[in-house]
Amino acid sequence: MTPREVCSEIKRELSEREFLCAKMYARGNGMHTIGAELFISPKTADAHINRTKIRLKLASRQELIALFIYAGIINPYDPRA
């Protein structure tokens, strides 16, 4: 699959909130930061991340980061991307 196809598949599999949480998590943010930014509790942020990993069949944060970099969702050289 091309990076564009992977990105489309990720967005299709996840809810908007799960996608936002996963993107922030892949950038290195913790649950408290994610919760504060999205106006949800840290436990809710954690639940979104866990569902994301299950839906995308990922075992770790590192796998999530690698997938999001490959798909072009995050850029390791630009923390704003």
Protein backbone atom coordinates (compact mmCIF):
# COMPACT_ATOMS: atom_id res chain seq x y z
CA MET A 1 0.00 0.00 0.00
CA THR A 2 1.15 3.52 -0.70
CA PRO A 3 1.39 6.03 2.16
CA ARG A 4 -1.71 7.82 0.85
CA GLU A 5 -3.70 4.57 0.87
CA VAL A 6 -2.50 3.80 4.39
CA CYS A 7 -3.57 7.26 5.56
CA SER A 8 -7.02 6.82 4.02
CA GLU A 9 -7.39 3.40 5.63
CA ILE A 10 -6.42 4.76 9.04
CA LYS A 11 -8.95 7.59 8.78
CA ARG A 12 -11.62 5.13 7.65
CA GLU A 13 -10.96 2.80 10.61
CA LEU A 14 -10.92 5.45 13.36
CA SER A 15 -13.39 7.96 14.66
CA GLU A 16 -12.34 11.60 14.43
CA ARG A 17 -11.65 11.72 18.17
CA GLU A 18 -9.61 8.50 18.10
CA PHE A 19 -7.59 9.87 15.20
CA LEU A 20 -6.86 13.14 17.01
CA CYS A 21 -5.86 11.33 20.20
CA ALA A 22 -3.64 8.91 18.29
CA LYS A 23 -1.95 11.74 16.40
CA MET A 24 -1.20 13.61 19.62
CA TYR A 25 -0.04 10.38 21.28
CA ALA A 26 2.27 9.61 18.34
CA ARG A 27 3.78 13.08 18.72
CA GLY A 28 4.74 12.21 22.29
CA ASN A 29 1.93 13.78 24.30
CA GLY A 30 0.72 12.07 27.46
CA MET A 31 -2.87 11.31 28.42
CA HIS A 32 -3.22 14.40 30.62
CA THR A 33 -2.04 16.70 27.82
CA ILE A 34 -4.29 15.01 25.26
CA GLY A 35 -7.24 15.23 27.63
CA ALA A 36 -6.65 18.90 28.36
CA GLU A 37 -6.28 19.80 24.66
CA LEU A 38 -9.41 17.91 23.62
CA PHE A 39 -11.48 18.69 26.74
CA ILE A 40 -11.80 15.02 27.73
CA SER A 41 -10.56 13.12 30.75
CA PRO A 42 -7.18 11.37 30.63
CA LYS A 43 -9.02 8.05 31.04
CA THR A 44 -11.11 8.78 27.95
CA ALA A 45 -7.95 9.68 26.02
CA ASP A 46 -6.40 6.39 27.14
CA ALA A 47 -9.51 4.49 26.02
CA HIS A 48 -9.32 6.15 22.58
CA ILE A 49 -5.65 5.17 22.26
CA ASN A 50 -6.34 1.58 23.31
CA ARG A 51 -9.22 1.26 20.80
CA THR A 52 -6.99 2.77 18.12
CA LYS A 53 -4.25 0.21 18.75
CA ILE A 54 -6.79 -2.63 18.66
CA ARG A 55 -8.45 -1.41 15.44
CA LEU A 56 -5.11 -0.90 13.70
CA LYS A 57 -3.66 -4.13 15.16
CA LEU A 58 -0.75 -2.37 16.84
CA ALA A 59 1.05 -3.51 19.97
CA SER A 60 2.95 -0.40 21.00
CA ARG A 61 3.39 3.34 20.78
CA GLN A 62 6.44 2.75 18.57
CA GLU A 63 4.35 0.85 16.02
CA LEU A 64 1.78 3.66 16.02
CA ILE A 65 4.52 6.26 15.48
CA ALA A 66 6.07 4.25 12.64
CA LEU A 67 2.70 3.81 10.94
CA PHE A 68 1.80 7.50 11.26
CA ILE A 69 5.20 8.56 9.90
CA TYR A 70 4.86 6.17 6.95
CA ALA A 71 1.35 7.44 6.22
CA GLY A 72 2.54 11.06 6.38
CA ILE A 73 0.26 11.89 9.30
CA ILE A 74 3.16 13.09 11.43
CA ASN A 75 6.59 14.35 10.43
CA PRO A 76 9.40 13.43 12.83
CA TYR A 77 11.30 16.57 11.83
CA ASP A 78 8.41 19.00 12.34
CA PRO A 79 6.54 18.71 15.64
CA ARG A 80 3.61 20.74 14.26
CA ALA A 81 2.93 18.36 11.34
